[in-house]
Amino acid sequence: MEKAARKDEKALERVFYISAHSRWDAAGAEFHDSYMRRLLLLWGDIDFARVLARQPAATRRKILRTLSVGDRSIPELFPHTYAAASRDI
């Protein structure tokens, strides 16, 4: 997470993989979801979307769901990330 927050692309890809292949519940899920949104803010829409676009469709869908929990403004606020995540859906 620390490397991903410092804009290390490989670390962000690893976070995406872990996020998509892990089960999150209760407080852990809330923390994880908020941290993913924080990474999006740190990276910015274009750079985050560029890394996300290289991920498999299932991973992109999971990341979109994670970012959208409790916040339906993702398409308006982060159009590049939304487009990358929802491509081929």
PDB file of N, CA and C in Angstrom:
ATOM      1  N   MET A   1       0.825  -1.185   0.000  1.00  0.00           N
ATOM      2  CA  MET A   1       0.000   0.000   0.000  1.00  0.00           C
ATOM      3  C   MET A   1       0.873   1.254   0.000  1.00  0.00           C
ATOM      4  N   GLU A   2       1.956   1.220   0.788  1.00  0.00           N
ATOM      5  CA  GLU A   2       2.823   2.391   0.849  1.00  0.00           C
ATOM      6  C   GLU A   2       3.470   2.668  -0.502  1.00  0.00           C
ATOM      7  N   LYS A   3       3.945   1.631  -1.165  1.00  0.00           N
ATOM      8  CA  LYS A   3       4.549   1.811  -2.480  1.00  0.00           C
ATOM      9  C   LYS A   3       3.512   2.308  -3.478  1.00  0.00           C
ATOM     10  N   ALA A   4       2.311   1.759  -3.412  1.00  0.00           N
ATOM     11  CA  ALA A   4       1.245   2.206  -4.310  1.00  0.00           C
ATOM     12  C   ALA A   4       0.936   3.683  -4.070  1.00  0.00           C
ATOM     13  N   ALA A   5       0.949   4.104  -2.832  1.00  0.00           N
ATOM     14  CA  ALA A   5       0.681   5.512  -2.504  1.00  0.00           C
ATOM     15  C   ALA A   5       1.790   6.423  -3.024  1.00  0.00           C
ATOM     16  N   ARG A   6       2.974   5.866  -3.244  1.00  0.00           N
ATOM     17  CA  ARG A   6       4.093   6.653  -3.803  1.00  0.00           C
ATOM     18  C   ARG A   6       4.138   6.564  -5.332  1.00  0.00           C
ATOM     19  N   LYS A   7       3.048   6.095  -5.903  1.00  0.00           N
ATOM     20  CA  LYS A   7       2.868   6.015  -7.353  1.00  0.00           C
ATOM     21  C   LYS A   7       3.785   4.999  -8.025  1.00  0.00           C
ATOM     22  N   ASP A   8       3.974   3.878  -7.362  1.00  0.00           N
ATOM     23  CA  ASP A   8       4.699   2.750  -7.941  1.00  0.00           C
ATOM     24  C   ASP A   8       3.666   1.913  -8.701  1.00  0.00           C
ATOM     25  N   GLU A   9       3.785   1.854 -10.021  1.00  0.00           N
ATOM     26  CA  GLU A   9       2.790   1.172 -10.849  1.00  0.00           C
ATOM     27  C   GLU A   9       2.665  -0.311 -10.518  1.00  0.00           C
ATOM     28  N   LYS A  10       3.776  -0.986 -10.327  1.00  0.00           N
ATOM     29  CA  LYS A  10       3.725  -2.421 -10.005  1.00  0.00           C
ATOM     30  C   LYS A  10       3.007  -2.638  -8.678  1.00  0.00           C
ATOM     31  N   ALA A  11       3.236  -1.756  -7.717  1.00  0.00           N
ATOM     32  CA  ALA A  11       2.562  -1.877  -6.425  1.00  0.00           C
ATOM     33  C   ALA A  11       1.058  -1.648  -6.576  1.00  0.00           C
ATOM     34  N   LEU A  12       0.669  -0.685  -7.396  1.00  0.00           N
ATOM     35  CA  LEU A  12      -0.752  -0.438  -7.611  1.00  0.00           C
ATOM     36  C   LEU A  12      -1.397  -1.638  -8.306  1.00  0.00           C
ATOM     37  N   GLU A  13      -0.711  -2.220  -9.278  1.00  0.00           N
ATOM     38  CA  GLU A  13      -1.228  -3.424  -9.928  1.00  0.00           C
ATOM     39  C   GLU A  13      -1.411  -4.551  -8.912  1.00  0.00           C
ATOM     40  N   ARG A  14      -0.486  -4.673  -7.988  1.00  0.00           N
ATOM     41  CA  ARG A  14      -0.585  -5.710  -6.942  1.00  0.00           C
ATOM     42  C   ARG A  14      -1.791  -5.439  -6.034  1.00  0.00           C
ATOM     43  N   VAL A  15      -1.996  -4.170  -5.680  1.00  0.00           N
ATOM     44  CA  VAL A  15      -3.166  -3.806  -4.861  1.00  0.00           C
ATOM     45  C   VAL A  15      -4.447  -4.154  -5.609  1.00  0.00           C
ATOM     46  N   PHE A  16      -4.490  -3.857  -6.906  1.00  0.00           N
ATOM     47  CA  PHE A  16      -5.662  -4.224  -7.703  1.00  0.00           C
ATOM     48  C   PHE A  16      -5.903  -5.738  -7.642  1.00  0.00           C
ATOM     49  N   TYR A  17      -4.839  -6.508  -7.819  1.00  0.00           N
ATOM     50  CA  TYR A  17      -4.961  -7.967  -7.805  1.00  0.00           C
ATOM     51  C   TYR A  17      -5.484  -8.455  -6.457  1.00  0.00           C
ATOM     52  N   ILE A  18      -4.883  -7.977  -5.391  1.00  0.00           N
ATOM     53  CA  ILE A  18      -5.300  -8.387  -4.045  1.00  0.00           C
ATOM     54  C   ILE A  18      -6.742  -7.973  -3.794  1.00  0.00           C
ATOM     55  N   SER A  19      -7.086  -6.776  -4.203  1.00  0.00           N
ATOM     56  CA  SER A  19      -8.447  -6.285  -4.008  1.00  0.00           C
ATOM     57  C   SER A  19      -9.459  -7.171  -4.729  1.00  0.00           C
ATOM     58  N   ALA A  20      -9.137  -7.554  -5.938  1.00  0.00           N
ATOM     59  CA  ALA A  20     -10.062  -8.345  -6.747  1.00  0.00           C
ATOM     60  C   ALA A  20     -10.160  -9.801  -6.307  1.00  0.00           C
ATOM     61  N   HIS A  21      -9.138 -10.312  -5.649  1.00  0.00           N
ATOM     62  CA  HIS A  21      -9.103 -11.733  -5.311  1.00  0.00           C
ATOM     63  C   HIS A  21      -9.236 -12.016  -3.816  1.00  0.00           C
ATOM     64  N   SER A  22      -9.572 -11.014  -3.037  1.00  0.00           N
ATOM     65  CA  SER A  22      -9.741 -11.205  -1.594  1.00  0.00           C
ATOM     66  C   SER A  22     -11.179 -10.946  -1.201  1.00  0.00           C
ATOM     67  N   ARG A  23     -11.554 -11.511  -0.101  1.00  0.00           N
ATOM     68  CA  ARG A  23     -12.886 -11.270   0.448  1.00  0.00           C
ATOM     69  C   ARG A  23     -12.747 -10.280   1.595  1.00  0.00           C
ATOM     70  N   TRP A  24     -13.510  -9.212   1.507  1.00  0.00           N
ATOM     71  CA  TRP A  24     -13.468  -8.168   2.527  1.00  0.00           C
ATOM     72  C   TRP A  24     -14.816  -8.115   3.211  1.00  0.00           C
ATOM     73  N   ASP A  25     -14.815  -7.954   4.525  1.00  0.00           N
ATOM     74  CA  ASP A  25     -16.086  -7.827   5.224  1.00  0.00           C
ATOM     75  C   ASP A  25     -15.956  -6.852   6.403  1.00  0.00           C
ATOM     76  N   ALA A  26     -17.079  -6.322   6.797  1.00  0.00           N
ATOM     77  CA  ALA A  26     -17.207  -5.432   7.965  1.00  0.00           C
ATOM     78  C   ALA A  26     -16.204  -4.280   7.916  1.00  0.00           C
ATOM     79  N   ALA A  27     -15.540  -4.037   9.019  1.00  0.00           N
ATOM     80  CA  ALA A  27     -14.640  -2.889   9.122  1.00  0.00           C
ATOM     81  C   ALA A  27     -13.473  -2.998   8.137  1.00  0.00           C
ATOM     82  N   GLY A  28     -13.012  -4.210   7.894  1.00  0.00           N
ATOM     83  CA  GLY A  28     -11.923  -4.399   6.935  1.00  0.00           C
ATOM     84  C   GLY A  28     -12.320  -3.942   5.541  1.00  0.00           C
ATOM     85  N   ALA A  29     -13.550  -4.235   5.158  1.00  0.00           N
ATOM     86  CA  ALA A  29     -14.048  -3.818   3.842  1.00  0.00           C
ATOM     87  C   ALA A  29     -14.168  -2.304   3.773  1.00  0.00           C
ATOM     88  N   GLU A  30     -14.664  -1.692   4.826  1.00  0.00           N
ATOM     89  CA  GLU A  30     -14.792  -0.229   4.839  1.00  0.00           C
ATOM     90  C   GLU A  30     -13.426   0.432   4.740  1.00  0.00           C
ATOM     91  N   PHE A  31     -12.449  -0.074   5.496  1.00  0.00           N
ATOM     92  CA  PHE A  31     -11.097   0.480   5.425  1.00  0.00           C
ATOM     93  C   PHE A  31     -10.521   0.302   4.022  1.00  0.00           C
ATOM     94  N   HIS A  32     -10.676  -0.893   3.483  1.00  0.00           N
ATOM     95  CA  HIS A  32     -10.134  -1.174   2.150  1.00  0.00           C
ATOM     96  C   HIS A  32     -10.762  -0.256   1.096  1.00  0.00           C
ATOM     97  N   ASP A  33     -12.074  -0.125   1.123  1.00  0.00           N
ATOM     98  CA  ASP A  33     -12.764   0.729   0.153  1.00  0.00           C
ATOM     99  C   ASP A  33     -12.293   2.171   0.257  1.00  0.00           C
ATOM    100  N   SER A  34     -12.149   2.665   1.469  1.00  0.00           N
ATOM    101  CA  SER A  34     -11.707   4.060   1.637  1.00  0.00           C
ATOM    102  C   SER A  34     -10.259   4.227   1.195  1.00  0.00           C
ATOM    103  N   TYR A  35      -9.430   3.215   1.414  1.00  0.00           N
ATOM    104  CA  TYR A  35      -8.036   3.307   0.988  1.00  0.00           C
ATOM    105  C   TYR A  35      -7.938   3.280  -0.534  1.00  0.00           C
ATOM    106  N   MET A  36      -8.768   2.490  -1.184  1.00  0.00           N
ATOM    107  CA  MET A  36      -8.756   2.476  -2.647  1.00  0.00           C
ATOM    108  C   MET A  36      -9.148   3.848  -3.195  1.00  0.00           C
ATOM    109  N   ARG A  37     -10.137   4.485  -2.588  1.00  0.00           N
ATOM    110  CA  ARG A  37     -10.513   5.835  -3.030  1.00  0.00           C
ATOM    111  C   ARG A  37      -9.377   6.827  -2.764  1.00  0.00           C
ATOM    112  N   ARG A  38      -8.677   6.649  -1.674  1.00  0.00           N
ATOM    113  CA  ARG A  38      -7.525   7.512  -1.378  1.00  0.00           C
ATOM    114  C   ARG A  38      -6.437   7.331  -2.438  1.00  0.00           C
ATOM    115  N   LEU A  39      -6.191   6.094  -2.845  1.00  0.00           N
ATOM    116  CA  LEU A  39      -5.211   5.860  -3.908  1.00  0.00           C
ATOM    117  C   LEU A  39      -5.633   6.545  -5.202  1.00  0.00           C
ATOM    118  N   LEU A  40      -6.910   6.490  -5.523  1.00  0.00           N
ATOM    119  CA  LEU A  40      -7.411   7.172  -6.713  1.00  0.00           C
ATOM    120  C   LEU A  40      -7.135   8.673  -6.621  1.00  0.00           C
ATOM    121  N   LEU A  41      -7.366   9.252  -5.466  1.00  0.00           N
ATOM    122  CA  LEU A  41      -7.100  10.687  -5.290  1.00  0.00           C
ATOM    123  C   LEU A  41      -5.608  10.998  -5.395  1.00  0.00           C
ATOM    124  N   LEU A  42      -4.771  10.152  -4.818  1.00  0.00           N
ATOM    125  CA  LEU A  42      -3.325  10.375  -4.869  1.00  0.00           C
ATOM    126  C   LEU A  42      -2.773  10.256  -6.292  1.00  0.00           C
ATOM    127  N   TRP A  43      -3.257   9.265  -7.010  1.00  0.00           N
ATOM    128  CA  TRP A  43      -2.785   9.029  -8.367  1.00  0.00           C
ATOM    129  C   TRP A  43      -3.378  10.015  -9.361  1.00  0.00           C
ATOM    130  N   GLY A  44      -4.603  10.424  -9.120  1.00  0.00           N
ATOM    131  CA  GLY A  44      -5.314  11.244 -10.097  1.00  0.00           C
ATOM    132  C   GLY A  44      -6.016  10.354 -11.100  1.00  0.00           C
ATOM    133  N   ASP A  45      -7.040  10.897 -11.698  1.00  0.00           N
ATOM    134  CA  ASP A  45      -7.910  10.117 -12.578  1.00  0.00           C
ATOM    135  C   ASP A  45      -7.164   9.504 -13.760  1.00  0.00           C
ATOM    136  N   ILE A  46      -6.378  10.272 -14.454  1.00  0.00           N
ATOM    137  CA  ILE A  46      -5.735   9.778 -15.679  1.00  0.00           C
ATOM    138  C   ILE A  46      -4.708   8.695 -15.388  1.00  0.00           C
ATOM    139  N   ASP A  47      -3.825   8.911 -14.422  1.00  0.00           N
ATOM    140  CA  ASP A  47      -2.790   7.921 -14.120  1.00  0.00           C
ATOM    141  C   ASP A  47      -3.380   6.641 -13.525  1.00  0.00           C
ATOM    142  N   PHE A  48      -4.348   6.788 -12.622  1.00  0.00           N
ATOM    143  CA  PHE A  48      -4.999   5.620 -12.032  1.00  0.00           C
ATOM    144  C   PHE A  48      -5.683   4.808 -13.135  1.00  0.00           C
ATOM    145  N   ALA A  49      -6.379   5.491 -14.019  1.00  0.00           N
ATOM    146  CA  ALA A  49      -7.081   4.825 -15.120  1.00  0.00           C
ATOM    147  C   ALA A  49      -6.110   4.114 -16.057  1.00  0.00           C
ATOM    148  N   ARG A  50      -4.965   4.702 -16.302  1.00  0.00           N
ATOM    149  CA  ARG A  50      -3.975   4.093 -17.193  1.00  0.00           C
ATOM    150  C   ARG A  50      -3.517   2.741 -16.650  1.00  0.00           C
ATOM    151  N   VAL A  51      -3.251   2.663 -15.352  1.00  0.00           N
ATOM    152  CA  VAL A  51      -2.827   1.403 -14.739  1.00  0.00           C
ATOM    153  C   VAL A  51      -4.003   0.425 -14.680  1.00  0.00           C
ATOM    154  N   LEU A  52      -5.163   0.924 -14.326  1.00  0.00           N
ATOM    155  CA  LEU A  52      -6.353   0.072 -14.239  1.00  0.00           C
ATOM    156  C   LEU A  52      -6.721  -0.527 -15.590  1.00  0.00           C
ATOM    157  N   ALA A  53      -6.557   0.222 -16.652  1.00  0.00           N
ATOM    158  CA  ALA A  53      -6.940  -0.236 -17.991  1.00  0.00           C
ATOM    159  C   ALA A  53      -6.164  -1.481 -18.426  1.00  0.00           C
ATOM    160  N   ARG A  54      -5.005  -1.709 -17.859  1.00  0.00           N
ATOM    161  CA  ARG A  54      -4.185  -2.878 -18.216  1.00  0.00           C
ATOM    162  C   ARG A  54      -4.603  -4.150 -17.485  1.00  0.00           C
ATOM    163  N   GLN A  55      -5.544  -4.037 -16.566  1.00  0.00           N
ATOM    164  CA  GLN A  55      -5.960  -5.181 -15.760  1.00  0.00           C
ATOM    165  C   GLN A  55      -7.042  -5.981 -16.476  1.00  0.00           C
ATOM    166  N   PRO A  56      -7.189  -7.253 -16.100  1.00  0.00           N
ATOM    167  CA  PRO A  56      -8.266  -8.066 -16.679  1.00  0.00           C
ATOM    168  C   PRO A  56      -9.633  -7.459 -16.362  1.00  0.00           C
ATOM    169  N   ALA A  57     -10.609  -7.765 -17.205  1.00  0.00           N
ATOM    170  CA  ALA A  57     -11.951  -7.195 -17.041  1.00  0.00           C
ATOM    171  C   ALA A  57     -12.541  -7.480 -15.668  1.00  0.00           C
ATOM    172  N   ALA A  58     -12.377  -8.684 -15.153  1.00  0.00           N
ATOM    173  CA  ALA A  58     -12.931  -9.018 -13.840  1.00  0.00           C
ATOM    174  C   ALA A  58     -12.322  -8.155 -12.737  1.00  0.00           C
ATOM    175  N   THR A  59     -11.039  -7.888 -12.835  1.00  0.00           N
ATOM    176  CA  THR A  59     -10.368  -7.032 -11.850  1.00  0.00           C
ATOM    177  C   THR A  59     -10.881  -5.613 -11.965  1.00  0.00           C
ATOM    178  N   ARG A  60     -11.020  -5.117 -13.185  1.00  0.00           N
ATOM    179  CA  ARG A  60     -11.520  -3.753 -13.385  1.00  0.00           C
ATOM    180  C   ARG A  60     -12.922  -3.592 -12.818  1.00  0.00           C
ATOM    181  N   ARG A  61     -13.775  -4.580 -13.041  1.00  0.00           N
ATOM    182  CA  ARG A  61     -15.140  -4.524 -12.498  1.00  0.00           C
ATOM    183  C   ARG A  61     -15.128  -4.486 -10.977  1.00  0.00           C
ATOM    184  N   LYS A  62     -14.285  -5.313 -10.360  1.00  0.00           N
ATOM    185  CA  LYS A  62     -14.196  -5.353  -8.902  1.00  0.00           C
ATOM    186  C   LYS A  62     -13.701  -4.014  -8.346  1.00  0.00           C
ATOM    187  N   ILE A  63     -12.722  -3.430  -8.992  1.00  0.00           N
ATOM    188  CA  ILE A  63     -12.201  -2.134  -8.536  1.00  0.00           C
ATOM    189  C   ILE A  63     -13.284  -1.070  -8.669  1.00  0.00           C
ATOM    190  N   LEU A  64     -14.046  -1.096  -9.745  1.00  0.00           N
ATOM    191  CA  LEU A  64     -15.137  -0.130  -9.901  1.00  0.00           C
ATOM    192  C   LEU A  64     -16.160  -0.290  -8.784  1.00  0.00           C
ATOM    193  N   ARG A  65     -16.513  -1.528  -8.464  1.00  0.00           N
ATOM    194  CA  ARG A  65     -17.459  -1.751  -7.357  1.00  0.00           C
ATOM    195  C   ARG A  65     -16.873  -1.248  -6.042  1.00  0.00           C
ATOM    196  N   THR A  66     -15.601  -1.498  -5.813  1.00  0.00           N
ATOM    197  CA  THR A  66     -14.940  -1.042  -4.590  1.00  0.00           C
ATOM    198  C   THR A  66     -14.965   0.476  -4.498  1.00  0.00           C
ATOM    199  N   LEU A  67     -14.660   1.148  -5.580  1.00  0.00           N
ATOM    200  CA  LEU A  67     -14.633   2.617  -5.579  1.00  0.00           C
ATOM    201  C   LEU A  67     -16.029   3.208  -5.446  1.00  0.00           C
ATOM    202  N   SER A  68     -17.027   2.481  -5.906  1.00  0.00           N
ATOM    203  CA  SER A  68     -18.392   3.012  -5.948  1.00  0.00           C
ATOM    204  C   SER A  68     -19.198   2.776  -4.674  1.00  0.00           C
ATOM    205  N   VAL A  69     -18.673   2.005  -3.736  1.00  0.00           N
ATOM    206  CA  VAL A  69     -19.415   1.724  -2.505  1.00  0.00           C
ATOM    207  C   VAL A  69     -19.742   3.038  -1.799  1.00  0.00           C
ATOM    208  N   GLY A  70     -21.034   3.318  -1.684  1.00  0.00           N
ATOM    209  CA  GLY A  70     -21.478   4.528  -1.000  1.00  0.00           C
ATOM    210  C   GLY A  70     -21.224   5.821  -1.746  1.00  0.00           C
ATOM    211  N   ASP A  71     -20.769   5.728  -2.991  1.00  0.00           N
ATOM    212  CA  ASP A  71     -20.454   6.941  -3.749  1.00  0.00           C
ATOM    213  C   ASP A  71     -20.781   6.718  -5.219  1.00  0.00           C
ATOM    214  N   ARG A  72     -21.848   7.290  -5.672  1.00  0.00           N
ATOM    215  CA  ARG A  72     -22.267   7.112  -7.067  1.00  0.00           C
ATOM    216  C   ARG A  72     -21.686   8.191  -7.987  1.00  0.00           C
ATOM    217  N   SER A  73     -20.785   9.016  -7.486  1.00  0.00           N
ATOM    218  CA  SER A  73     -20.253  10.120  -8.283  1.00  0.00           C
ATOM    219  C   SER A  73     -18.992   9.748  -9.063  1.00  0.00           C
ATOM    220  N   ILE A  74     -18.561   8.502  -9.012  1.00  0.00           N
ATOM    221  CA  ILE A  74     -17.335   8.099  -9.710  1.00  0.00           C
ATOM    222  C   ILE A  74     -17.377   8.459 -11.197  1.00  0.00           C
ATOM    223  N   PRO A  75     -18.464   8.175 -11.940  1.00  0.00           N
ATOM    224  CA  PRO A  75     -18.457   8.522 -13.370  1.00  0.00           C
ATOM    225  C   PRO A  75     -18.259  10.011 -13.637  1.00  0.00           C
ATOM    226  N   GLU A  76     -18.823  10.849 -12.799  1.00  0.00           N
ATOM    227  CA  GLU A  76     -18.714  12.294 -13.022  1.00  0.00           C
ATOM    228  C   GLU A  76     -17.362  12.846 -12.556  1.00  0.00           C
ATOM    229  N   LEU A  77     -16.893  12.387 -11.392  1.00  0.00           N
ATOM    230  CA  LEU A  77     -15.660  12.935 -10.827  1.00  0.00           C
ATOM    231  C   LEU A  77     -14.401  12.320 -11.425  1.00  0.00           C
ATOM    232  N   PHE A  78     -14.487  11.057 -11.833  1.00  0.00           N
ATOM    233  CA  PHE A  78     -13.319  10.340 -12.344  1.00  0.00           C
ATOM    234  C   PHE A  78     -13.689   9.635 -13.652  1.00  0.00           C
ATOM    235  N   PRO A  79     -13.935  10.396 -14.705  1.00  0.00           N
ATOM    236  CA  PRO A  79     -14.429   9.787 -15.947  1.00  0.00           C
ATOM    237  C   PRO A  79     -13.443   8.817 -16.603  1.00  0.00           C
ATOM    238  N   HIS A  80     -12.151   9.073 -16.487  1.00  0.00           N
ATOM    239  CA  HIS A  80     -11.167   8.174 -17.108  1.00  0.00           C
ATOM    240  C   HIS A  80     -11.135   6.830 -16.382  1.00  0.00           C
ATOM    241  N   THR A  81     -11.159   6.887 -15.060  1.00  0.00           N
ATOM    242  CA  THR A  81     -11.175   5.658 -14.272  1.00  0.00           C
ATOM    243  C   THR A  81     -12.450   4.878 -14.535  1.00  0.00           C
ATOM    244  N   TYR A  82     -13.575   5.571 -14.575  1.00  0.00           N
ATOM    245  CA  TYR A  82     -14.854   4.903 -14.847  1.00  0.00           C
ATOM    246  C   TYR A  82     -14.828   4.237 -16.225  1.00  0.00           C
ATOM    247  N   ALA A  83     -14.315   4.939 -17.213  1.00  0.00           N
ATOM    248  CA  ALA A  83     -14.264   4.389 -18.570  1.00  0.00           C
ATOM    249  C   ALA A  83     -13.339   3.169 -18.623  1.00  0.00           C
ATOM    250  N   ALA A  84     -12.182   3.245 -17.961  1.00  0.00           N
ATOM    251  CA  ALA A  84     -11.247   2.116 -17.961  1.00  0.00           C
ATOM    252  C   ALA A  84     -11.857   0.919 -17.236  1.00  0.00           C
ATOM    253  N   ALA A  85     -12.535   1.170 -16.128  1.00  0.00           N
ATOM    254  CA  ALA A  85     -13.099   0.094 -15.325  1.00  0.00           C
ATOM    255  C   ALA A  85     -14.294  -0.567 -16.003  1.00  0.00           C
ATOM    256  N   SER A  86     -15.073   0.205 -16.716  1.00  0.00           N
ATOM    257  CA  SER A  86     -16.303  -0.327 -17.299  1.00  0.00           C
ATOM    258  C   SER A  86     -16.171  -0.749 -18.755  1.00  0.00           C
ATOM    259  N   ARG A  87     -14.994  -0.621 -19.315  1.00  0.00           N
ATOM    260  CA  ARG A  87     -14.761  -1.059 -20.695  1.00  0.00           C
ATOM    261  C   ARG A  87     -15.037  -2.558 -20.799  1.00  0.00           C
ATOM    262  N   ASP A  88     -15.730  -2.970 -21.825  1.00  0.00           N
ATOM    263  CA  ASP A  88     -16.051  -4.381 -22.098  1.00  0.00           C
ATOM    264  C   ASP A  88     -17.013  -4.994 -21.088  1.00  0.00           C
ATOM    265  N   ILE A  89     -17.747  -4.183 -20.374  1.00  0.00           N
ATOM    266  CA  ILE A  89     -18.712  -4.724 -19.408  1.00  0.00           C
ATOM    267  C   ILE A  89     -20.050  -4.887 -20.088  1.00  0.00           C
TER     268      ILE A  89
END
